[in-house]
Amino acid sequence: MFRLIHKDKSSKARLGVLETAHGKVNTPVFMPVGTQGTVKAISNDELLECGAEIILGNAYHLNLRPGLGIIKKAGGLHKFMGWQGPILTDSGGYQVFSLAKLRSLSEEGAEFSSHIDGSRHFITPENAIEIQEVLGSDIMMTFDECVHYPAARDYVEQSLALTTKWAKRSKEYYMGHGSWVMGQEKRLLFGIAQGSTYLDLRKKAVDELLSIGFDGYAIGGVSVGEPQDLIHEISSYTASLLPEDKARYLMGMGTPVDMLEAVSNGIDMFDCVVPTRNGRNGQAFTWNGELQLRNAKYKEDFSPIDKDCECMACRLHTRAYIRHLFNTEEILGLRLVSLH
């Protein structure tokens, strides 16, 4: 459960603690994304050294590979991947958005063609929770539809009605099938507020989720193509509607500036593939802006990525060396920038 510790006097920023079956998480918190049971190119020990307290897995992808049977035999996702801390899992709702060309929707659920082999799979709100239960998730997400930007209002209204029905069914299955219990500890279930760019629909989404009741609340459907000012407006407005005694999770947000903006608006939790995706492409964030370390100007630059950073990459290596690693396609290069 979530415990609010302190609120900033000059903004809406706050400190809190989220208690899960696998330990406490101090908020605000960034959650590295381990879609397929691993944070790309980063070991669990390195995640801990970076200060990671909780990571993400993806129910849709893990259900396809390696499959629930294998993970169940392993004793759950924690044991399978050797991670002792908390894990939050996405329900597969984002794949309703990202794999739109491979799926069809109905009130019952979503049918997918596997991006791996084309096999057909049908996910309902109930089995989305069941999958996450088998994975052993500390925080489970309801099944939802994330709409594209821009989206016509009439479509968003229909989509929101469907997402609300799915949220209610997710909660009913969660309560009725023991999904909320993990040994003597409680699994947490978060609802997801959609509504696209329509603020009145965002309010409607929050009101409906509050009437159902969840352990925490996520703001979904942002950072799907909108301009930055609109992202901040939507997330700030939606966060202001959420209860103070519950964790607030802004899904898919992960650039430093965006997270600082969101923290000032009262958001507690973030996730994004940005650190590892940008790291694999040679882009590094620094206190003085972004660097593209593949560029020729760093060929003879023997300074660290960021002189004010104490990470292993900055303590031991130079920009010139890391550029060399990328140019020679050495794996260490993308690992170093991802770690930074």
C-alpha atoms as a PDB file:
ATOM      1  CA  MET A   1       0.000   0.000   0.000  1.00  0.00           C
ATOM      2  CA  PHE A   2       1.035   3.636  -0.421  1.00  0.00           C
ATOM      3  CA  ARG A   3       2.062   5.947   2.413  1.00  0.00           C
ATOM      4  CA  LEU A   4       2.523   9.674   1.802  1.00  0.00           C
ATOM      5  CA  ILE A   5       5.512  11.026   3.751  1.00  0.00           C
ATOM      6  CA  HIS A   6       6.005  14.621   2.670  1.00  0.00           C
ATOM      7  CA  LYS A   7       4.607  17.256   0.302  1.00  0.00           C
ATOM      8  CA  ASP A   8       6.667  20.086  -1.131  1.00  0.00           C
ATOM      9  CA  LYS A   9       5.489  23.567  -0.182  1.00  0.00           C
ATOM     10  CA  SER A  10       6.313  25.225  -3.495  1.00  0.00           C
ATOM     11  CA  SER A  11       4.903  22.567  -5.855  1.00  0.00           C
ATOM     12  CA  LYS A  12       2.803  19.405  -5.838  1.00  0.00           C
ATOM     13  CA  ALA A  13       5.897  17.188  -5.569  1.00  0.00           C
ATOM     14  CA  ARG A  14       5.738  14.514  -2.888  1.00  0.00           C
ATOM     15  CA  LEU A  15       7.680  11.744  -1.184  1.00  0.00           C
ATOM     16  CA  GLY A  16       6.084   8.415  -0.408  1.00  0.00           C
ATOM     17  CA  VAL A  17       6.625   4.714   0.187  1.00  0.00           C
ATOM     18  CA  LEU A  18       4.866   1.977  -1.733  1.00  0.00           C
ATOM     19  CA  GLU A  19       4.788  -1.316   0.143  1.00  0.00           C
ATOM     20  CA  THR A  20       4.700  -4.498  -1.950  1.00  0.00           C
ATOM     21  CA  ALA A  21       5.039  -8.221  -1.365  1.00  0.00           C
ATOM     22  CA  HIS A  22       8.715  -8.049  -2.385  1.00  0.00           C
ATOM     23  CA  GLY A  23       9.698  -4.941  -0.502  1.00  0.00           C
ATOM     24  CA  LYS A  24       9.251  -1.199  -0.200  1.00  0.00           C
ATOM     25  CA  VAL A  25       9.625   1.281  -3.038  1.00  0.00           C
ATOM     26  CA  ASN A  26      10.536   4.884  -2.314  1.00  0.00           C
ATOM     27  CA  THR A  27       8.758   7.407  -4.510  1.00  0.00           C
ATOM     28  CA  PRO A  28       9.160   9.295  -6.775  1.00  0.00           C
ATOM     29  CA  VAL A  29      10.624   6.317  -8.603  1.00  0.00           C
ATOM     30  CA  PHE A  30      11.753   5.474 -12.107  1.00  0.00           C
ATOM     31  CA  MET A  31      11.103   1.852 -13.069  1.00  0.00           C
ATOM     32  CA  PRO A  32      13.414   0.337 -15.713  1.00  0.00           C
ATOM     33  CA  VAL A  33      11.547  -1.665 -18.350  1.00  0.00           C
ATOM     34  CA  GLY A  34      12.331  -5.372 -18.577  1.00  0.00           C
ATOM     35  CA  THR A  35       9.758  -6.301 -21.209  1.00  0.00           C
ATOM     36  CA  GLN A  36      10.891  -9.886 -21.713  1.00  0.00           C
ATOM     37  CA  GLY A  37      12.229 -10.624 -18.251  1.00  0.00           C
ATOM     38  CA  THR A  38      15.391  -8.551 -18.595  1.00  0.00           C
ATOM     39  CA  VAL A  39      16.344  -4.886 -18.764  1.00  0.00           C
ATOM     40  CA  LYS A  40      18.221  -4.864 -22.061  1.00  0.00           C
ATOM     41  CA  ALA A  41      22.011  -5.171 -21.703  1.00  0.00           C
ATOM     42  CA  ILE A  42      21.911  -4.550 -17.930  1.00  0.00           C
ATOM     43  CA  SER A  43      22.410  -7.242 -15.274  1.00  0.00           C
ATOM     44  CA  ASN A  44      20.343  -7.385 -12.082  1.00  0.00           C
ATOM     45  CA  ASP A  45      23.408  -6.481  -9.991  1.00  0.00           C
ATOM     46  CA  GLU A  46      23.988  -3.429 -12.170  1.00  0.00           C
ATOM     47  CA  LEU A  47      20.351  -2.398 -11.775  1.00  0.00           C
ATOM     48  CA  LEU A  48      20.768  -2.507  -8.020  1.00  0.00           C
ATOM     49  CA  GLU A  49      23.980  -0.463  -8.265  1.00  0.00           C
ATOM     50  CA  CYS A  50      22.058   2.108 -10.301  1.00  0.00           C
ATOM     51  CA  GLY A  51      19.520   2.359  -7.480  1.00  0.00           C
ATOM     52  CA  ALA A  52      16.629   0.553  -9.160  1.00  0.00           C
ATOM     53  CA  GLU A  53      14.050  -0.587  -6.600  1.00  0.00           C
ATOM     54  CA  ILE A  54      11.381  -1.960  -8.931  1.00  0.00           C
ATOM     55  CA  ILE A  55      11.333  -3.099 -12.556  1.00  0.00           C
ATOM     56  CA  LEU A  56       8.690  -3.857 -15.176  1.00  0.00           C
ATOM     57  CA  GLY A  57       7.759  -6.984 -17.060  1.00  0.00           C
ATOM     58  CA  ASN A  58       5.228  -7.356 -19.848  1.00  0.00           C
ATOM     59  CA  ALA A  59       2.454  -9.921 -19.533  1.00  0.00           C
ATOM     60  CA  TYR A  60       1.758 -10.053 -23.267  1.00  0.00           C
ATOM     61  CA  HIS A  61       5.340 -10.749 -24.325  1.00  0.00           C
ATOM     62  CA  LEU A  62       6.132 -13.161 -21.491  1.00  0.00           C
ATOM     63  CA  ASN A  63       2.951 -15.090 -22.194  1.00  0.00           C
ATOM     64  CA  LEU A  64       4.208 -15.657 -25.746  1.00  0.00           C
ATOM     65  CA  ARG A  65       7.858 -16.312 -24.821  1.00  0.00           C
ATOM     66  CA  PRO A  66       8.882 -18.304 -22.875  1.00  0.00           C
ATOM     67  CA  GLY A  67       5.238 -19.025 -22.011  1.00  0.00           C
ATOM     68  CA  LEU A  68       3.448 -19.241 -18.691  1.00  0.00           C
ATOM     69  CA  GLY A  69       4.131 -22.957 -18.296  1.00  0.00           C
ATOM     70  CA  ILE A  70       7.874 -22.435 -18.087  1.00  0.00           C
ATOM     71  CA  ILE A  71       7.618 -19.424 -15.771  1.00  0.00           C
ATOM     72  CA  LYS A  72       5.211 -21.278 -13.511  1.00  0.00           C
ATOM     73  CA  LYS A  73       7.588 -24.261 -13.290  1.00  0.00           C
ATOM     74  CA  ALA A  74      10.404 -21.861 -12.438  1.00  0.00           C
ATOM     75  CA  GLY A  75       8.405 -20.559  -9.484  1.00  0.00           C
ATOM     76  CA  GLY A  76       7.308 -17.246 -10.989  1.00  0.00           C
ATOM     77  CA  LEU A  77       8.990 -14.386 -12.794  1.00  0.00           C
ATOM     78  CA  HIS A  78      11.099 -13.294  -9.809  1.00  0.00           C
ATOM     79  CA  LYS A  79      12.822 -16.674  -9.580  1.00  0.00           C
ATOM     80  CA  PHE A  80      12.957 -17.165 -13.338  1.00  0.00           C
ATOM     81  CA  MET A  81      14.931 -13.946 -13.869  1.00  0.00           C
ATOM     82  CA  GLY A  82      16.725 -13.849 -10.514  1.00  0.00           C
ATOM     83  CA  TRP A  83      15.272 -10.522  -9.379  1.00  0.00           C
ATOM     84  CA  GLN A  84      14.410 -10.272  -5.681  1.00  0.00           C
ATOM     85  CA  GLY A  85      12.737  -6.868  -5.678  1.00  0.00           C
ATOM     86  CA  PRO A  86       9.249  -5.768  -6.694  1.00  0.00           C
ATOM     87  CA  ILE A  87       7.968  -6.257 -10.238  1.00  0.00           C
ATOM     88  CA  LEU A  88       5.152  -4.354 -11.932  1.00  0.00           C
ATOM     89  CA  THR A  89       3.655  -5.961 -15.026  1.00  0.00           C
ATOM     90  CA  ASP A  90       1.750  -4.329 -17.849  1.00  0.00           C
ATOM     91  CA  SER A  91      -1.444  -6.213 -18.642  1.00  0.00           C
ATOM     92  CA  GLY A  92      -0.955  -6.252 -22.401  1.00  0.00           C
ATOM     93  CA  GLY A  93      -3.159  -3.213 -22.878  1.00  0.00           C
ATOM     94  CA  TYR A  94      -0.346  -1.259 -24.491  1.00  0.00           C
ATOM     95  CA  GLN A  95      -0.107  -3.952 -27.162  1.00  0.00           C
ATOM     96  CA  VAL A  96      -3.713  -3.137 -28.045  1.00  0.00           C
ATOM     97  CA  PHE A  97      -2.170   0.166 -29.113  1.00  0.00           C
ATOM     98  CA  SER A  98       1.263  -0.799 -30.418  1.00  0.00           C
ATOM     99  CA  LEU A  99       0.141  -3.908 -32.328  1.00  0.00           C
ATOM    100  CA  ALA A 100      -3.033  -2.372 -33.723  1.00  0.00           C
ATOM    101  CA  LYS A 101      -2.448  -3.902 -37.157  1.00  0.00           C
ATOM    102  CA  LEU A 102      -2.325  -7.365 -35.583  1.00  0.00           C
ATOM    103  CA  ARG A 103      -5.424  -7.243 -33.384  1.00  0.00           C
ATOM    104  CA  SER A 104      -9.191  -6.861 -33.267  1.00  0.00           C
ATOM    105  CA  LEU A 105     -11.263  -5.587 -30.353  1.00  0.00           C
ATOM    106  CA  SER A 106     -14.630  -6.569 -28.947  1.00  0.00           C
ATOM    107  CA  GLU A 107     -16.372  -5.987 -25.646  1.00  0.00           C
ATOM    108  CA  GLU A 108     -15.135  -9.401 -24.561  1.00  0.00           C
ATOM    109  CA  GLY A 109     -11.449  -8.653 -25.132  1.00  0.00           C
ATOM    110  CA  ALA A 110      -8.713  -8.328 -27.737  1.00  0.00           C
ATOM    111  CA  GLU A 111      -7.583 -10.900 -30.279  1.00  0.00           C
ATOM    112  CA  PHE A 112      -3.940 -10.731 -31.359  1.00  0.00           C
ATOM    113  CA  SER A 113      -1.838 -12.216 -34.073  1.00  0.00           C
ATOM    114  CA  SER A 114       1.498 -12.998 -32.482  1.00  0.00           C
ATOM    115  CA  HIS A 115       4.259 -10.743 -33.801  1.00  0.00           C
ATOM    116  CA  ILE A 116       6.517 -13.811 -33.525  1.00  0.00           C
ATOM    117  CA  ASP A 117       4.755 -16.530 -35.515  1.00  0.00           C
ATOM    118  CA  GLY A 118       1.312 -15.182 -36.417  1.00  0.00           C
ATOM    119  CA  SER A 119      -0.534 -17.508 -34.019  1.00  0.00           C
ATOM    120  CA  ARG A 120      -3.836 -16.158 -32.684  1.00  0.00           C
ATOM    121  CA  HIS A 121      -4.309 -15.263 -29.021  1.00  0.00           C
ATOM    122  CA  PHE A 122      -7.347 -13.851 -27.232  1.00  0.00           C
ATOM    123  CA  ILE A 123      -6.878 -11.746 -24.098  1.00  0.00           C
ATOM    124  CA  THR A 124      -9.757 -10.808 -21.825  1.00  0.00           C
ATOM    125  CA  PRO A 125      -9.590  -8.599 -18.730  1.00  0.00           C
ATOM    126  CA  GLU A 126      -9.871 -11.760 -16.659  1.00  0.00           C
ATOM    127  CA  ASN A 127      -7.050 -13.722 -18.223  1.00  0.00           C
ATOM    128  CA  ALA A 128      -4.861 -10.596 -18.295  1.00  0.00           C
ATOM    129  CA  ILE A 129      -5.046 -10.725 -14.483  1.00  0.00           C
ATOM    130  CA  GLU A 130      -4.633 -14.505 -14.498  1.00  0.00           C
ATOM    131  CA  ILE A 131      -1.430 -14.194 -16.544  1.00  0.00           C
ATOM    132  CA  GLN A 132      -0.029 -11.601 -14.140  1.00  0.00           C
ATOM    133  CA  GLU A 133      -1.000 -13.827 -11.217  1.00  0.00           C
ATOM    134  CA  VAL A 134       1.063 -16.691 -12.677  1.00  0.00           C
ATOM    135  CA  LEU A 135       3.966 -14.313 -13.232  1.00  0.00           C
ATOM    136  CA  GLY A 136       3.807 -13.398  -9.542  1.00  0.00           C
ATOM    137  CA  SER A 137       3.519  -9.666 -10.149  1.00  0.00           C
ATOM    138  CA  ASP A 138       3.676  -7.379  -7.143  1.00  0.00           C
ATOM    139  CA  ILE A 139       1.698  -4.729  -9.016  1.00  0.00           C
ATOM    140  CA  MET A 140      -0.784  -5.790 -11.678  1.00  0.00           C
ATOM    141  CA  MET A 141      -2.407  -3.490 -14.205  1.00  0.00           C
ATOM    142  CA  THR A 142      -5.960  -3.650 -15.483  1.00  0.00           C
ATOM    143  CA  PHE A 143      -6.563  -4.406 -19.157  1.00  0.00           C
ATOM    144  CA  ASP A 144      -7.257  -1.264 -21.164  1.00  0.00           C
ATOM    145  CA  GLU A 145      -7.186   0.280 -24.620  1.00  0.00           C
ATOM    146  CA  CYS A 146      -4.661   3.027 -25.316  1.00  0.00           C
ATOM    147  CA  VAL A 147      -5.801   5.151 -28.260  1.00  0.00           C
ATOM    148  CA  HIS A 148      -3.645   6.863 -30.858  1.00  0.00           C
ATOM    149  CA  TYR A 149      -3.116  10.605 -31.130  1.00  0.00           C
ATOM    150  CA  PRO A 150      -4.989  12.360 -32.558  1.00  0.00           C
ATOM    151  CA  ALA A 151      -8.261  10.536 -31.942  1.00  0.00           C
ATOM    152  CA  ALA A 152     -11.805  11.674 -32.667  1.00  0.00           C
ATOM    153  CA  ARG A 153     -13.912  12.343 -29.601  1.00  0.00           C
ATOM    154  CA  ASP A 154     -16.610   9.803 -30.463  1.00  0.00           C
ATOM    155  CA  TYR A 155     -13.997   7.050 -30.738  1.00  0.00           C
ATOM    156  CA  VAL A 156     -12.377   8.057 -27.450  1.00  0.00           C
ATOM    157  CA  GLU A 157     -15.776   7.978 -25.737  1.00  0.00           C
ATOM    158  CA  GLN A 158     -16.414   4.434 -27.008  1.00  0.00           C
ATOM    159  CA  SER A 159     -12.914   3.366 -26.069  1.00  0.00           C
ATOM    160  CA  LEU A 160     -13.210   4.816 -22.570  1.00  0.00           C
ATOM    161  CA  ALA A 161     -16.506   3.017 -22.007  1.00  0.00           C
ATOM    162  CA  LEU A 162     -14.804  -0.243 -23.012  1.00  0.00           C
ATOM    163  CA  THR A 163     -11.761   0.438 -20.813  1.00  0.00           C
ATOM    164  CA  THR A 164     -14.038   1.131 -17.820  1.00  0.00           C
ATOM    165  CA  LYS A 165     -15.917  -2.142 -18.350  1.00  0.00           C
ATOM    166  CA  TRP A 166     -12.602  -3.972 -18.604  1.00  0.00           C
ATOM    167  CA  ALA A 167     -11.337  -2.270 -15.424  1.00  0.00           C
ATOM    168  CA  LYS A 168     -14.411  -3.438 -13.514  1.00  0.00           C
ATOM    169  CA  ARG A 169     -14.041  -6.976 -14.815  1.00  0.00           C
ATOM    170  CA  SER A 170     -10.336  -6.957 -13.951  1.00  0.00           C
ATOM    171  CA  LYS A 171     -11.162  -5.920 -10.378  1.00  0.00           C
ATOM    172  CA  GLU A 172     -13.914  -8.536 -10.060  1.00  0.00           C
ATOM    173  CA  TYR A 173     -11.591 -11.314 -11.199  1.00  0.00           C
ATOM    174  CA  TYR A 174      -8.817 -10.012  -8.962  1.00  0.00           C
ATOM    175  CA  MET A 175     -11.085 -10.127  -5.914  1.00  0.00           C
ATOM    176  CA  GLY A 176     -12.935 -13.319  -6.781  1.00  0.00           C
ATOM    177  CA  HIS A 177     -10.011 -15.595  -7.647  1.00  0.00           C
ATOM    178  CA  GLY A 178      -7.527 -14.836  -4.883  1.00  0.00           C
ATOM    179  CA  SER A 179      -5.356 -12.751  -7.201  1.00  0.00           C
ATOM    180  CA  TRP A 180      -4.860 -10.183  -4.448  1.00  0.00           C
ATOM    181  CA  VAL A 181      -3.012 -12.646  -2.205  1.00  0.00           C
ATOM    182  CA  MET A 182       0.657 -13.634  -2.562  1.00  0.00           C
ATOM    183  CA  GLY A 183       1.377 -15.901   0.391  1.00  0.00           C
ATOM    184  CA  GLN A 184       0.680 -13.637   3.341  1.00  0.00           C
ATOM    185  CA  GLU A 185       1.260 -10.502   1.290  1.00  0.00           C
ATOM    186  CA  LYS A 186      -1.034  -8.468  -0.912  1.00  0.00           C
ATOM    187  CA  ARG A 187      -0.676  -8.087  -4.637  1.00  0.00           C
ATOM    188  CA  LEU A 188      -1.620  -4.591  -5.760  1.00  0.00           C
ATOM    189  CA  LEU A 189      -3.948  -3.764  -8.647  1.00  0.00           C
ATOM    190  CA  PHE A 190      -3.754  -0.398 -10.413  1.00  0.00           C
ATOM    191  CA  GLY A 191      -6.476   1.073 -12.598  1.00  0.00           C
ATOM    192  CA  ILE A 192      -5.570   3.049 -15.732  1.00  0.00           C
ATOM    193  CA  ALA A 193      -7.183   6.392 -16.570  1.00  0.00           C
ATOM    194  CA  GLN A 194      -7.550   6.945 -20.306  1.00  0.00           C
ATOM    195  CA  GLY A 195      -9.429   9.686 -22.167  1.00  0.00           C
ATOM    196  CA  SER A 196      -6.884  10.881 -24.730  1.00  0.00           C
ATOM    197  CA  THR A 197      -6.585  14.686 -24.899  1.00  0.00           C
ATOM    198  CA  TYR A 198     -10.142  15.412 -23.729  1.00  0.00           C
ATOM    199  CA  LEU A 199      -9.932  16.705 -20.176  1.00  0.00           C
ATOM    200  CA  ASP A 200     -13.594  16.079 -19.389  1.00  0.00           C
ATOM    201  CA  LEU A 201     -13.163  12.461 -20.457  1.00  0.00           C
ATOM    202  CA  ARG A 202     -10.066  12.210 -18.285  1.00  0.00           C
ATOM    203  CA  LYS A 203     -12.202  13.345 -15.343  1.00  0.00           C
ATOM    204  CA  LYS A 204     -14.886  10.837 -16.258  1.00  0.00           C
ATOM    205  CA  ALA A 205     -12.274   8.083 -16.404  1.00  0.00           C
ATOM    206  CA  VAL A 206     -10.932   8.963 -12.944  1.00  0.00           C
ATOM    207  CA  ASP A 207     -14.415   9.206 -11.417  1.00  0.00           C
ATOM    208  CA  GLU A 208     -15.329   5.776 -12.760  1.00  0.00           C
ATOM    209  CA  LEU A 209     -12.084   4.195 -11.560  1.00  0.00           C
ATOM    210  CA  LEU A 210     -12.515   5.694  -8.094  1.00  0.00           C
ATOM    211  CA  SER A 211     -15.998   4.194  -7.899  1.00  0.00           C
ATOM    212  CA  ILE A 212     -14.495   0.754  -8.612  1.00  0.00           C
ATOM    213  CA  GLY A 213     -11.563   1.268  -6.223  1.00  0.00           C
ATOM    214  CA  PHE A 214      -7.922   0.370  -6.838  1.00  0.00           C
ATOM    215  CA  ASP A 215      -4.656   0.239  -4.903  1.00  0.00           C
ATOM    216  CA  GLY A 216      -3.107   2.846  -7.176  1.00  0.00           C
ATOM    217  CA  TYR A 217      -3.936   4.767 -10.323  1.00  0.00           C
ATOM    218  CA  ALA A 218      -2.064   5.100 -13.599  1.00  0.00           C
ATOM    219  CA  ILE A 219      -2.337   7.797 -16.223  1.00  0.00           C
ATOM    220  CA  GLY A 220      -2.254   6.039 -19.585  1.00  0.00           C
ATOM    221  CA  GLY A 221      -2.432   7.196 -23.168  1.00  0.00           C
ATOM    222  CA  VAL A 222       0.127  10.009 -22.916  1.00  0.00           C
ATOM    223  CA  SER A 223       3.341  10.315 -24.893  1.00  0.00           C
ATOM    224  CA  VAL A 224       1.738   8.632 -27.909  1.00  0.00           C
ATOM    225  CA  GLY A 225       2.498  11.456 -30.321  1.00  0.00           C
ATOM    226  CA  GLU A 226       1.191  14.562 -28.585  1.00  0.00           C
ATOM    227  CA  PRO A 227       3.265  17.768 -28.314  1.00  0.00           C
ATOM    228  CA  GLN A 228       5.107  18.199 -25.015  1.00  0.00           C
ATOM    229  CA  ASP A 229       2.897  20.961 -23.646  1.00  0.00           C
ATOM    230  CA  LEU A 230      -0.180  18.801 -24.164  1.00  0.00           C
ATOM    231  CA  ILE A 231       1.462  15.825 -22.440  1.00  0.00           C
ATOM    232  CA  HIS A 232       2.198  17.985 -19.398  1.00  0.00           C
ATOM    233  CA  GLU A 233      -1.297  19.487 -19.391  1.00  0.00           C
ATOM    234  CA  ILE A 234      -3.008  16.089 -19.498  1.00  0.00           C
ATOM    235  CA  SER A 235      -0.793  14.450 -16.894  1.00  0.00           C
ATOM    236  CA  SER A 236      -0.957  17.427 -14.517  1.00  0.00           C
ATOM    237  CA  TYR A 237      -4.732  17.723 -14.779  1.00  0.00           C
ATOM    238  CA  THR A 238      -5.343  14.001 -14.355  1.00  0.00           C
ATOM    239  CA  ALA A 239      -2.957  13.754 -11.405  1.00  0.00           C
ATOM    240  CA  SER A 240      -4.857  16.562  -9.667  1.00  0.00           C
ATOM    241  CA  LEU A 241      -7.992  14.406  -9.719  1.00  0.00           C
ATOM    242  CA  LEU A 242      -6.389  11.366  -8.106  1.00  0.00           C
ATOM    243  CA  PRO A 243      -6.540  10.686  -4.349  1.00  0.00           C
ATOM    244  CA  GLU A 244      -3.552  11.749  -2.272  1.00  0.00           C
ATOM    245  CA  ASP A 245      -3.361   8.449  -0.406  1.00  0.00           C
ATOM    246  CA  LYS A 246      -2.793   6.349  -3.537  1.00  0.00           C
ATOM    247  CA  ALA A 247       0.261   6.016  -5.760  1.00  0.00           C
ATOM    248  CA  ARG A 248       0.114   7.888  -9.083  1.00  0.00           C
ATOM    249  CA  TYR A 249       1.832   6.293 -12.057  1.00  0.00           C
ATOM    250  CA  LEU A 250       2.498   8.101 -15.344  1.00  0.00           C
ATOM    251  CA  MET A 251       2.953   5.330 -17.886  1.00  0.00           C
ATOM    252  CA  GLY A 252       5.637   5.470 -20.560  1.00  0.00           C
ATOM    253  CA  MET A 253       7.380   8.626 -19.339  1.00  0.00           C
ATOM    254  CA  GLY A 254      11.134   8.579 -18.944  1.00  0.00           C
ATOM    255  CA  THR A 255      13.155  11.549 -20.162  1.00  0.00           C
ATOM    256  CA  PRO A 256      14.783  13.499 -17.315  1.00  0.00           C
ATOM    257  CA  VAL A 257      13.061  16.807 -18.069  1.00  0.00           C
ATOM    258  CA  ASP A 258       9.631  15.214 -18.481  1.00  0.00           C
ATOM    259  CA  MET A 259       9.979  13.304 -15.219  1.00  0.00           C
ATOM    260  CA  LEU A 260      11.006  16.435 -13.292  1.00  0.00           C
ATOM    261  CA  GLU A 261       8.016  18.269 -14.711  1.00  0.00           C
ATOM    262  CA  ALA A 262       5.706  15.401 -13.736  1.00  0.00           C
ATOM    263  CA  VAL A 263       7.182  15.080 -10.232  1.00  0.00           C
ATOM    264  CA  SER A 264       6.386  18.758  -9.681  1.00  0.00           C
ATOM    265  CA  ASN A 265       2.788  17.911 -10.618  1.00  0.00           C
ATOM    266  CA  GLY A 266       2.492  15.173  -8.012  1.00  0.00           C
ATOM    267  CA  ILE A 267       3.355  12.028 -10.006  1.00  0.00           C
ATOM    268  CA  ASP A 268       5.021   9.205  -8.063  1.00  0.00           C
ATOM    269  CA  MET A 269       5.995   6.508 -10.588  1.00  0.00           C
ATOM    270  CA  PHE A 270       7.469   6.409 -14.095  1.00  0.00           C
ATOM    271  CA  ASP A 271       8.603   3.834 -16.612  1.00  0.00           C
ATOM    272  CA  CYS A 272      10.171   4.045 -20.043  1.00  0.00           C
ATOM    273  CA  VAL A 273      12.553   2.247 -22.400  1.00  0.00           C
ATOM    274  CA  VAL A 274      14.456   5.512 -22.923  1.00  0.00           C
ATOM    275  CA  PRO A 275      17.597   4.720 -20.850  1.00  0.00           C
ATOM    276  CA  THR A 276      18.334   1.439 -22.605  1.00  0.00           C
ATOM    277  CA  ARG A 277      16.967   2.347 -26.041  1.00  0.00           C
ATOM    278  CA  ASN A 278      18.810   5.655 -26.204  1.00  0.00           C
ATOM    279  CA  GLY A 279      21.874   4.063 -24.622  1.00  0.00           C
ATOM    280  CA  ARG A 280      21.991   1.421 -27.344  1.00  0.00           C
ATOM    281  CA  ASN A 281      21.904   4.230 -29.897  1.00  0.00           C
ATOM    282  CA  GLY A 282      24.753   6.173 -28.279  1.00  0.00           C
ATOM    283  CA  GLN A 283      22.658   9.019 -26.898  1.00  0.00           C
ATOM    284  CA  ALA A 284      23.581  10.069 -23.364  1.00  0.00           C
ATOM    285  CA  PHE A 285      21.782  12.446 -21.035  1.00  0.00           C
ATOM    286  CA  THR A 286      23.984  14.863 -19.075  1.00  0.00           C
ATOM    287  CA  TRP A 287      23.439  17.822 -16.764  1.00  0.00           C
ATOM    288  CA  ASN A 288      24.369  20.017 -19.741  1.00  0.00           C
ATOM    289  CA  GLY A 289      22.074  18.407 -22.284  1.00  0.00           C
ATOM    290  CA  GLU A 290      22.088  15.377 -24.553  1.00  0.00           C
ATOM    291  CA  LEU A 291      25.162  13.976 -26.305  1.00  0.00           C
ATOM    292  CA  GLN A 292      25.303  11.747 -29.377  1.00  0.00           C
ATOM    293  CA  LEU A 293      28.515   9.895 -28.662  1.00  0.00           C
ATOM    294  CA  ARG A 294      28.741   8.413 -32.149  1.00  0.00           C
ATOM    295  CA  ASN A 295      29.568  11.866 -33.526  1.00  0.00           C
ATOM    296  CA  ALA A 296      33.048  12.572 -34.895  1.00  0.00           C
ATOM    297  CA  LYS A 297      33.631  15.523 -32.554  1.00  0.00           C
ATOM    298  CA  TYR A 298      34.147  13.073 -29.690  1.00  0.00           C
ATOM    299  CA  LYS A 299      36.925  11.180 -31.489  1.00  0.00           C
ATOM    300  CA  GLU A 300      39.624  12.792 -29.343  1.00  0.00           C
ATOM    301  CA  ASP A 301      37.489  13.856 -26.393  1.00  0.00           C
ATOM    302  CA  PHE A 302      39.064  12.194 -23.356  1.00  0.00           C
ATOM    303  CA  SER A 303      36.615  13.604 -20.814  1.00  0.00           C
ATOM    304  CA  PRO A 304      33.888  11.478 -19.207  1.00  0.00           C
ATOM    305  CA  ILE A 305      30.336  11.471 -20.521  1.00  0.00           C
ATOM    306  CA  ASP A 306      29.441  13.805 -17.652  1.00  0.00           C
ATOM    307  CA  LYS A 307      32.005  15.147 -15.162  1.00  0.00           C
ATOM    308  CA  ASP A 308      29.277  15.425 -12.514  1.00  0.00           C
ATOM    309  CA  CYS A 309      28.253  11.778 -12.774  1.00  0.00           C
ATOM    310  CA  GLU A 310      29.720   8.994 -10.632  1.00  0.00           C
ATOM    311  CA  CYS A 311      28.467   6.020 -12.637  1.00  0.00           C
ATOM    312  CA  MET A 312      30.939   3.343 -13.704  1.00  0.00           C
ATOM    313  CA  ALA A 313      30.993   4.581 -17.297  1.00  0.00           C
ATOM    314  CA  CYS A 314      31.922   8.113 -16.223  1.00  0.00           C
ATOM    315  CA  ARG A 315      34.424   7.028 -13.567  1.00  0.00           C
ATOM    316  CA  LEU A 316      36.402   4.695 -15.805  1.00  0.00           C
ATOM    317  CA  HIS A 317      35.901   5.645 -19.448  1.00  0.00           C
ATOM    318  CA  THR A 318      36.035   8.568 -21.857  1.00  0.00           C
ATOM    319  CA  ARG A 319      33.819   9.833 -24.640  1.00  0.00           C
ATOM    320  CA  ALA A 320      36.522   8.956 -27.160  1.00  0.00           C
ATOM    321  CA  TYR A 321      36.690   5.359 -25.946  1.00  0.00           C
ATOM    322  CA  ILE A 322      32.923   4.932 -25.954  1.00  0.00           C
ATOM    323  CA  ARG A 323      32.716   6.396 -29.476  1.00  0.00           C
ATOM    324  CA  HIS A 324      35.375   3.877 -30.534  1.00  0.00           C
ATOM    325  CA  LEU A 325      33.290   1.040 -29.067  1.00  0.00           C
ATOM    326  CA  PHE A 326      30.218   2.096 -31.042  1.00  0.00           C
ATOM    327  CA  ASN A 327      32.189   2.482 -34.261  1.00  0.00           C
ATOM    328  CA  THR A 328      33.643  -1.015 -33.866  1.00  0.00           C
ATOM    329  CA  GLU A 329      30.232  -2.438 -32.861  1.00  0.00           C
ATOM    330  CA  GLU A 330      31.453  -3.603 -29.481  1.00  0.00           C
ATOM    331  CA  ILE A 331      28.657  -4.508 -27.057  1.00  0.00           C
ATOM    332  CA  LEU A 332      30.404  -2.727 -24.173  1.00  0.00           C
ATOM    333  CA  GLY A 333      29.649   0.654 -25.758  1.00  0.00           C
ATOM    334  CA  LEU A 334      25.887   0.308 -25.643  1.00  0.00           C
ATOM    335  CA  ARG A 335      26.113  -1.193 -22.144  1.00  0.00           C
ATOM    336  CA  LEU A 336      28.150   1.741 -20.829  1.00  0.00           C
ATOM    337  CA  VAL A 337      25.799   4.395 -22.167  1.00  0.00           C
ATOM    338  CA  SER A 338      22.763   2.423 -20.971  1.00  0.00           C
ATOM    339  CA  LEU A 339      24.297   2.220 -17.484  1.00  0.00           C
ATOM    340  CA  HIS A 340      25.025   5.949 -17.505  1.00  0.00           C
END
